[in-house]
Amino acid sequence: MTHAYTPGLKVSRQTEVKKERRLPLKGDVLVGVGDSVTAETIVAKTELPGNVQTVNVANRLSILPEDIERNMVVKVGGWVEQGDLIAESRSFFGLFKSSAKMPVAGTIESVSNITGQVIVRERAIPVEIDAYVDGEVIEVFEGEGVLVKTTATFVQGIFGIGGEAVGILDVVAPDGSVVMDPSSINSSHKDKIIVGGSLVTMDALDRAREVGVRGIIAGGIGDSDLRILLGYDLGVAITGSEEIGLTVVVTEGFGQMTMADRTFNLLASRKGMKTSISGATQIRAGVIRPEVVIPLDAATRRSEGEAVQKHATGLVIGSPVRVIREPHFGKIGEVTSLPPKLQKLESEAMVRVLGVRFEEAGEAIIPRANVELIEE
């Protein structure tokens, strides 16, 4: 693995973001429409059924299965702690006795006089869902969750690992070309989301976990470092559930990849602001991209102008694009022309092309299939 890109990434200074927050099964919703919430607000909760355990009581007591019920000390529906006696048998006029004790704490769900087994349900597992972003509840899904809306700076990444994280944003690199190494990270970054440059090294990841950094945003990550971090090779990417001690969002690709100036400068302008990030990534059907969401307060929205969410209109003159194939691989530019006629390539193929102006490399004519639109 060397470099990789996902087309159509969004990088928006100010846009409307909506987030569904749903429980894995029915439960209680704790907020209502119109309520203001913070990222940490618990908006819904439920309980997952505990694990099921079987105890072969007939075998432990050396009795027939049909005799199990009269030897039970605890009846169906009763709660017992680990190590408690649940059944006991006596033989030879009470001189000998056998007992069965609970291997786990739980509720007796059933007693079978056919198998001689007792079914035990462990304690229910509480599940709580937070709002993830500061915002307003605009819809309630009864018994399931809510829809939260916020106006925020929104940046999508190429790849991510780790679940959701919330913290104050800090920038540890002077620009998007600098490698993030352990010297970039110190104790002041505890509980923060930090922005690096072109690459986050394995040593920097270790240092970040040691300090207590909640999340890292960088241009690239080495595939060998990713393998070390996860402990296995990552195939078709479906991530977000890794427990690695922090969340990582990569904005450009694999390897040392300079973070786009537009992305780096936008994140740098939000230094000190509360930020929510998610490393969840899915590149097959139902694409999920890692993201950075930075809710904006009313003062910031007013000073920068209220955002109007733009709908994708495809490539037009002035559209920002990124080249995804050589010889301009990775460069970001602006569309200057969209010739309607097909043009012949060196390979003799006839394709649609477009003109792109790069900040440093001038203009170039590139096949349209070789660029991705950066959605604003």
Protein backbone atom coordinates (compact mmCIF):
# COMPACT_ATOMS: atom_id res chain seq x y z
CA MET A 1 0.00 0.00 0.00
CA THR A 2 1.43 3.39 -0.98
CA HIS A 3 -1.13 6.09 -1.71
CA ALA A 4 -4.91 6.01 -1.74
CA TYR A 5 -7.71 8.54 -2.19
CA THR A 6 -11.48 8.60 -1.83
CA PRO A 7 -13.32 10.90 -4.27
CA GLY A 8 -15.70 13.67 -3.30
CA LEU A 9 -14.44 14.74 0.12
CA LYS A 10 -16.18 17.65 1.84
CA VAL A 11 -14.18 20.51 3.34
CA SER A 12 -16.54 23.27 4.52
CA ARG A 13 -15.80 26.35 6.60
CA GLN A 14 -19.42 26.63 7.69
CA THR A 15 -22.28 24.26 6.91
CA GLU A 16 -25.29 22.62 8.50
CA VAL A 17 -24.51 19.18 9.95
CA LYS A 18 -27.16 16.70 11.10
CA LYS A 19 -26.34 13.62 13.15
CA GLU A 20 -28.64 10.71 13.93
CA ARG A 21 -28.02 9.24 17.37
CA ARG A 22 -29.81 5.88 17.68
CA LEU A 23 -29.78 3.10 20.23
CA PRO A 24 -29.02 -0.48 19.11
CA LEU A 25 -32.47 -1.50 20.44
CA LYS A 26 -35.51 0.21 21.94
CA GLY A 27 -34.97 2.23 25.08
CA ASP A 28 -35.65 5.66 26.62
CA VAL A 29 -35.05 9.02 24.91
CA LEU A 30 -34.00 11.60 27.49
CA VAL A 31 -34.32 14.87 25.52
CA GLY A 32 -37.00 16.55 23.41
CA VAL A 33 -37.32 18.58 20.24
CA GLY A 34 -35.84 22.06 20.70
CA ASP A 35 -33.48 21.07 23.52
CA SER A 36 -29.93 22.38 23.32
CA VAL A 37 -27.36 19.64 23.89
CA THR A 38 -23.61 19.40 24.25
CA ALA A 39 -21.50 16.63 22.78
CA GLU A 40 -21.45 14.93 26.18
CA THR A 41 -25.22 15.08 26.80
CA ILE A 42 -26.75 11.59 27.14
CA VAL A 43 -29.70 11.69 24.74
CA ALA A 44 -30.93 8.09 25.05
CA LYS A 45 -30.28 4.96 27.07
CA THR A 46 -31.25 1.30 27.13
CA GLU A 47 -30.10 -2.06 28.47
CA LEU A 48 -28.78 -4.93 26.39
CA PRO A 49 -29.83 -8.39 27.59
CA GLY A 50 -27.04 -10.08 29.53
CA ASN A 51 -25.19 -13.14 28.27
CA VAL A 52 -26.79 -16.56 28.72
CA GLN A 53 -25.02 -19.29 30.70
CA THR A 54 -26.05 -22.93 31.15
CA VAL A 55 -25.39 -24.95 34.30
CA ASN A 56 -25.73 -28.75 34.06
CA VAL A 57 -27.23 -29.20 37.52
CA ALA A 58 -28.30 -32.85 37.03
CA ASN A 59 -24.73 -33.80 36.18
CA ARG A 60 -23.26 -31.89 39.12
CA LEU A 61 -25.71 -33.49 41.57
CA SER A 62 -25.56 -36.94 39.92
CA ILE A 63 -29.33 -37.08 39.69
CA LEU A 64 -31.83 -37.78 36.91
CA PRO A 65 -33.02 -34.76 34.92
CA GLU A 66 -36.62 -35.31 36.03
CA ASP A 67 -35.52 -34.86 39.65
CA ILE A 68 -33.92 -31.46 39.12
CA GLU A 69 -36.86 -29.24 40.11
CA ARG A 70 -37.32 -30.70 43.60
CA ASN A 71 -33.60 -30.20 44.27
CA MET A 72 -33.51 -26.53 43.24
CA VAL A 73 -32.85 -24.06 46.07
CA VAL A 74 -33.54 -21.00 43.88
CA LYS A 75 -36.66 -20.93 41.72
CA VAL A 76 -37.16 -19.54 38.22
CA GLY A 77 -36.97 -15.74 38.24
CA GLY A 78 -34.70 -15.62 41.28
CA TRP A 79 -31.49 -13.59 41.31
CA VAL A 80 -28.29 -15.21 42.57
CA GLU A 81 -24.74 -13.98 43.02
CA GLN A 82 -21.64 -15.77 41.79
CA GLY A 83 -20.85 -18.68 44.14
CA ASP A 84 -24.38 -18.88 45.60
CA LEU A 85 -25.96 -22.30 46.07
CA ILE A 86 -28.71 -22.97 43.50
CA ALA A 87 -29.37 -26.72 43.97
CA GLU A 88 -28.62 -29.44 46.48
CA SER A 89 -29.28 -33.19 46.74
CA ARG A 90 -28.98 -35.65 49.65
CA SER A 91 -28.55 -39.40 49.53
CA PHE A 92 -28.20 -42.33 51.94
CA PHE A 93 -30.59 -40.85 54.49
CA GLY A 94 -28.92 -37.45 54.26
CA LEU A 95 -25.42 -38.69 55.01
CA PHE A 96 -24.09 -37.57 51.63
CA LYS A 97 -24.92 -34.38 49.90
CA SER A 98 -24.02 -32.77 46.57
CA SER A 99 -24.40 -29.11 45.64
CA ALA A 100 -24.37 -26.89 42.55
CA LYS A 101 -23.20 -23.29 42.79
CA MET A 102 -23.54 -20.37 40.41
CA PRO A 103 -20.50 -19.74 38.18
CA VAL A 104 -21.75 -16.18 37.47
CA ALA A 105 -24.22 -13.68 38.91
CA GLY A 106 -27.59 -13.70 37.15
CA THR A 107 -31.28 -14.54 37.02
CA ILE A 108 -32.58 -18.11 36.74
CA GLU A 109 -34.52 -18.09 33.45
CA SER A 110 -35.51 -21.73 33.12
CA VAL A 111 -35.05 -25.20 34.59
CA SER A 112 -35.28 -28.21 32.23
CA ASN A 113 -36.38 -31.61 33.52
CA ILE A 114 -35.41 -33.04 30.12
CA THR A 115 -31.78 -31.93 29.86
CA GLY A 116 -31.17 -31.35 33.55
CA GLN A 117 -29.79 -27.89 32.79
CA VAL A 118 -30.50 -24.48 34.30
CA ILE A 119 -30.44 -21.38 32.04
CA VAL A 120 -28.99 -18.28 33.71
CA ARG A 121 -29.16 -14.73 32.30
CA GLU A 122 -26.33 -12.44 33.38
CA ARG A 123 -26.90 -8.84 34.43
CA ALA A 124 -28.18 -6.49 31.70
CA ILE A 125 -25.57 -4.26 30.04
CA PRO A 126 -26.41 -0.52 30.20
CA VAL A 127 -25.97 1.43 26.93
CA GLU A 128 -26.00 5.21 26.68
CA ILE A 129 -25.82 7.35 23.54
CA ASP A 130 -24.47 10.90 23.72
CA ALA A 131 -25.17 13.77 21.30
CA TYR A 132 -21.61 13.64 19.81
CA VAL A 133 -21.80 17.33 18.79
CA ASP A 134 -22.98 20.54 20.44
CA GLY A 135 -26.28 21.50 18.83
CA GLU A 136 -30.07 21.33 18.93
CA VAL A 137 -32.42 18.36 18.89
CA ILE A 138 -34.67 18.75 15.84
CA GLU A 139 -36.35 15.33 15.78
CA VAL A 140 -37.04 12.50 18.21
CA PHE A 141 -37.27 8.86 17.12
CA GLU A 142 -39.54 7.37 19.77
CA GLY A 143 -37.72 4.80 21.86
CA GLU A 144 -34.71 4.93 19.54
CA GLY A 145 -32.86 8.24 19.59
CA VAL A 146 -32.70 11.75 18.16
CA LEU A 147 -31.53 13.90 15.28
CA VAL A 148 -29.13 16.67 16.31
CA LYS A 149 -28.43 19.70 14.13
CA THR A 150 -25.48 22.06 14.37
CA THR A 151 -23.76 24.68 12.23
CA ALA A 152 -20.13 23.68 12.03
CA THR A 153 -16.86 23.52 10.20
CA PHE A 154 -16.90 20.10 8.56
CA VAL A 155 -13.93 18.15 7.16
CA GLN A 156 -14.05 14.61 5.80
CA GLY A 157 -10.97 12.40 5.85
CA ILE A 158 -9.67 9.63 3.62
CA PHE A 159 -9.27 7.03 6.34
CA GLY A 160 -9.69 6.74 10.09
CA ILE A 161 -9.50 4.35 13.00
CA GLY A 162 -10.99 4.47 16.46
CA GLY A 163 -14.45 5.56 17.56
CA GLU A 164 -15.78 8.99 18.42
CA ALA A 165 -13.82 11.52 20.43
CA VAL A 166 -14.43 15.06 21.67
CA GLY A 167 -11.84 17.59 22.78
CA ILE A 168 -10.35 21.04 22.30
CA LEU A 169 -8.53 21.44 18.97
CA ASP A 170 -4.81 22.24 18.99
CA VAL A 171 -2.28 22.51 16.17
CA VAL A 172 1.20 21.03 16.65
CA ALA A 173 2.70 21.67 13.18
CA PRO A 174 3.60 25.00 11.53
CA ASP A 175 2.20 23.82 8.18
CA GLY A 176 0.79 20.79 6.40
CA SER A 177 4.17 19.45 5.22
CA VAL A 178 5.74 18.83 8.64
CA VAL A 179 5.97 15.29 10.06
CA MET A 180 4.36 14.80 13.48
CA ASP A 181 6.91 13.10 15.76
CA PRO A 182 7.03 12.59 19.56
CA SER A 183 8.64 16.00 20.10
CA SER A 184 5.43 17.61 18.79
CA ILE A 185 3.40 16.26 21.70
CA ASN A 186 3.56 17.19 25.38
CA SER A 187 1.49 16.99 28.55
CA SER A 188 -0.51 20.10 27.60
CA HIS A 189 -2.18 18.05 24.87
CA LYS A 190 -3.93 15.73 27.31
CA ASP A 191 -7.63 15.29 26.37
CA LYS A 192 -7.18 17.35 23.19
CA ILE A 193 -7.61 16.75 19.46
CA ILE A 194 -4.33 17.65 17.77
CA VAL A 195 -3.61 18.55 14.14
CA GLY A 196 -0.30 17.52 12.60
CA GLY A 197 1.14 17.84 9.11
CA SER A 198 2.06 15.34 6.43
CA LEU A 199 2.55 12.19 8.53
CA VAL A 200 1.97 10.85 12.02
CA THR A 201 4.68 8.38 13.03
CA MET A 202 4.27 5.31 15.22
CA ASP A 203 6.45 6.94 17.87
CA ALA A 204 4.13 9.96 17.84
CA LEU A 205 1.09 7.71 18.20
CA ASP A 206 2.69 6.00 21.20
CA ARG A 207 3.54 9.36 22.74
CA ALA A 208 0.00 10.62 22.16
CA ARG A 209 -1.50 7.61 23.93
CA GLU A 210 0.97 8.03 26.79
CA VAL A 211 0.02 11.69 27.24
CA GLY A 212 -3.73 11.06 26.90
CA VAL A 213 -4.44 12.73 23.55
CA ARG A 214 -8.01 11.96 22.45
CA GLY A 215 -7.55 12.30 18.70
CA ILE A 216 -5.05 13.04 15.92
CA ILE A 217 -5.70 14.63 12.51
CA ALA A 218 -2.84 14.25 10.01
CA GLY A 219 -2.22 14.18 6.27
CA GLY A 220 -0.97 10.59 6.16
CA ILE A 221 -0.06 7.46 8.09
CA GLY A 222 2.36 4.68 7.16
CA ASP A 223 0.74 1.34 6.34
CA SER A 224 3.41 -0.48 8.37
CA ASP A 225 2.68 1.77 11.38
CA LEU A 226 -1.03 1.12 10.93
CA ARG A 227 -0.34 -2.62 11.03
CA ILE A 228 1.66 -2.22 14.26
CA LEU A 229 -1.01 0.00 15.80
CA LEU A 230 -3.85 -2.44 15.05
CA GLY A 231 -1.90 -5.66 15.43
CA TYR A 232 -3.21 -7.03 12.12
CA ASP A 233 -3.45 -6.24 8.41
CA LEU A 234 -6.48 -4.17 7.49
CA GLY A 235 -8.34 -5.49 4.45
CA VAL A 236 -11.52 -3.87 3.14
CA ALA A 237 -11.77 -0.97 5.55
CA ILE A 238 -14.61 -1.12 8.05
CA THR A 239 -13.30 0.69 11.08
CA GLY A 240 -14.51 2.62 14.08
CA SER A 241 -14.69 -0.01 16.81
CA GLU A 242 -10.94 -0.29 17.48
CA GLU A 243 -9.85 0.26 21.08
CA ILE A 244 -6.42 1.79 20.50
CA GLY A 245 -6.54 4.57 23.06
CA LEU A 246 -7.30 7.42 20.65
CA THR A 247 -8.94 8.27 17.31
CA VAL A 248 -6.94 8.96 14.13
CA VAL A 249 -8.29 10.78 11.05
CA VAL A 250 -6.12 10.88 7.90
CA THR A 251 -7.03 13.62 5.42
CA GLU A 252 -4.86 12.79 2.40
CA GLY A 253 -3.81 9.12 2.17
CA PHE A 254 -1.23 6.50 3.12
CA GLY A 255 2.42 7.44 3.38
CA GLN A 256 3.83 10.92 3.89
CA MET A 257 1.19 13.16 2.31
CA THR A 258 1.27 16.92 2.75
CA MET A 259 -2.05 18.07 4.16
CA ALA A 260 -3.83 20.33 1.68
CA ASP A 261 -3.25 23.99 2.56
CA ARG A 262 -6.98 24.63 2.43
CA THR A 263 -7.66 21.89 4.96
CA PHE A 264 -4.72 22.73 7.25
CA ASN A 265 -5.44 26.46 7.29
CA LEU A 266 -9.12 25.87 8.00
CA LEU A 267 -8.35 23.57 10.94
CA ALA A 268 -5.67 25.96 12.21
CA SER A 269 -8.23 28.79 12.20
CA ARG A 270 -10.36 26.72 14.61
CA LYS A 271 -7.60 26.19 17.17
CA GLY A 272 -8.97 26.27 20.71
CA MET A 273 -12.50 25.26 19.68
CA LYS A 274 -14.42 22.21 20.87
CA THR A 275 -14.15 19.50 18.23
CA SER A 276 -15.84 16.15 17.60
CA ILE A 277 -14.14 13.52 15.43
CA SER A 278 -14.96 10.01 14.31
CA GLY A 279 -12.58 7.48 12.75
CA ALA A 280 -15.38 5.27 11.40
CA THR A 281 -14.57 4.30 7.80
CA GLN A 282 -16.34 2.05 5.31
CA ILE A 283 -15.24 1.98 1.67
CA ARG A 284 -17.64 -0.58 0.27
CA ALA A 285 -21.43 -0.21 -0.17
CA GLY A 286 -22.82 2.40 2.21
CA VAL A 287 -19.67 4.54 2.29
CA ILE A 288 -18.81 6.04 5.67
CA ARG A 289 -15.97 8.54 5.88
CA PRO A 290 -14.04 9.70 8.93
CA GLU A 291 -14.91 13.25 9.89
CA VAL A 292 -14.05 16.34 11.89
CA VAL A 293 -16.98 18.45 13.15
CA ILE A 294 -16.30 21.80 14.85
CA PRO A 295 -19.57 23.42 16.01
CA LEU A 296 -19.61 27.22 15.65
CA ASP A 297 -21.11 29.58 18.20
CA ALA A 298 -23.50 32.35 17.18
CA ALA A 299 -20.79 35.01 17.23
CA THR A 300 -18.57 33.06 14.85
CA ARG A 301 -21.49 32.35 12.52
CA ARG A 302 -22.37 36.04 12.39
CA SER A 303 -18.81 37.21 11.87
CA GLU A 304 -18.21 34.80 9.01
CA GLY A 305 -21.67 35.14 7.50
CA GLU A 306 -24.51 32.68 7.95
CA ALA A 307 -23.80 29.62 5.82
CA VAL A 308 -26.18 28.40 3.17
CA GLN A 309 -25.70 24.71 2.54
CA LYS A 310 -24.66 24.12 -1.04
CA HIS A 311 -25.98 21.27 -3.10
CA ALA A 312 -23.56 19.37 -5.32
CA THR A 313 -23.71 20.70 -8.88
CA GLY A 314 -20.85 18.70 -10.37
CA LEU A 315 -17.77 20.20 -11.96
CA VAL A 316 -18.02 23.89 -12.89
CA ILE A 317 -15.50 26.61 -13.58
CA GLY A 318 -13.87 27.47 -10.27
CA SER A 319 -14.55 24.08 -8.62
CA PRO A 320 -11.73 22.93 -6.32
CA VAL A 321 -10.40 19.51 -7.37
CA ARG A 322 -7.68 17.08 -6.37
CA VAL A 323 -5.72 15.05 -8.93
CA ILE A 324 -5.75 11.33 -8.12
CA ARG A 325 -3.32 10.03 -10.76
CA GLU A 326 0.18 10.86 -11.94
CA PRO A 327 1.86 13.05 -13.06
CA HIS A 328 0.06 15.59 -10.83
CA PHE A 329 -0.95 13.06 -8.18
CA GLY A 330 -2.14 14.68 -4.94
CA LYS A 331 -2.14 18.28 -6.18
CA ILE A 332 -5.12 20.55 -5.52
CA GLY A 333 -6.21 23.11 -8.05
CA GLU A 334 -9.12 25.03 -9.52
CA VAL A 335 -11.04 24.15 -12.68
CA THR A 336 -10.39 26.77 -15.39
CA SER A 337 -12.04 25.16 -18.42
CA LEU A 338 -14.38 22.30 -19.34
CA PRO A 339 -13.95 21.61 -23.09
CA PRO A 340 -17.08 19.87 -24.41
CA LYS A 341 -15.26 17.84 -27.09
CA LEU A 342 -13.36 14.62 -26.51
CA GLN A 343 -9.57 14.88 -26.77
CA LYS A 344 -7.05 12.22 -27.73
CA LEU A 345 -4.52 11.01 -25.15
CA GLU A 346 -1.09 9.54 -25.83
CA SER A 347 -2.73 6.13 -25.46
CA GLU A 348 -4.99 7.06 -28.42
CA ALA A 349 -8.04 6.98 -26.12
CA MET A 350 -10.61 9.73 -26.66
CA VAL A 351 -11.71 11.20 -23.30
CA ARG A 352 -13.26 14.27 -21.75
CA VAL A 353 -10.73 16.62 -20.18
CA LEU A 354 -10.65 19.76 -18.09
CA GLY A 355 -8.21 22.57 -17.42
CA VAL A 356 -6.83 22.92 -13.90
CA ARG A 357 -4.75 25.75 -12.45
CA PHE A 358 -2.40 24.80 -9.63
CA GLU A 359 -1.09 27.33 -7.15
CA GLU A 360 2.56 26.50 -7.82
CA ALA A 361 2.68 24.40 -10.99
CA GLY A 362 0.64 26.55 -13.39
CA GLU A 363 -2.09 25.08 -15.59
CA ALA A 364 -2.56 21.60 -17.01
CA ILE A 365 -5.08 19.68 -19.15
CA ILE A 366 -6.16 16.53 -17.31
CA PRO A 367 -8.67 13.73 -18.05
CA ARG A 368 -11.82 14.30 -15.99
CA ALA A 369 -11.55 10.74 -14.64
CA ASN A 370 -8.23 11.69 -13.04
CA VAL A 371 -9.66 14.27 -10.63
CA GLU A 372 -11.98 14.27 -7.63
CA LEU A 373 -14.28 17.11 -6.74
CA ILE A 374 -13.68 18.63 -3.33
CA GLU A 375 -17.20 19.44 -2.19
CA GLU A 376 -17.66 22.65 -0.25
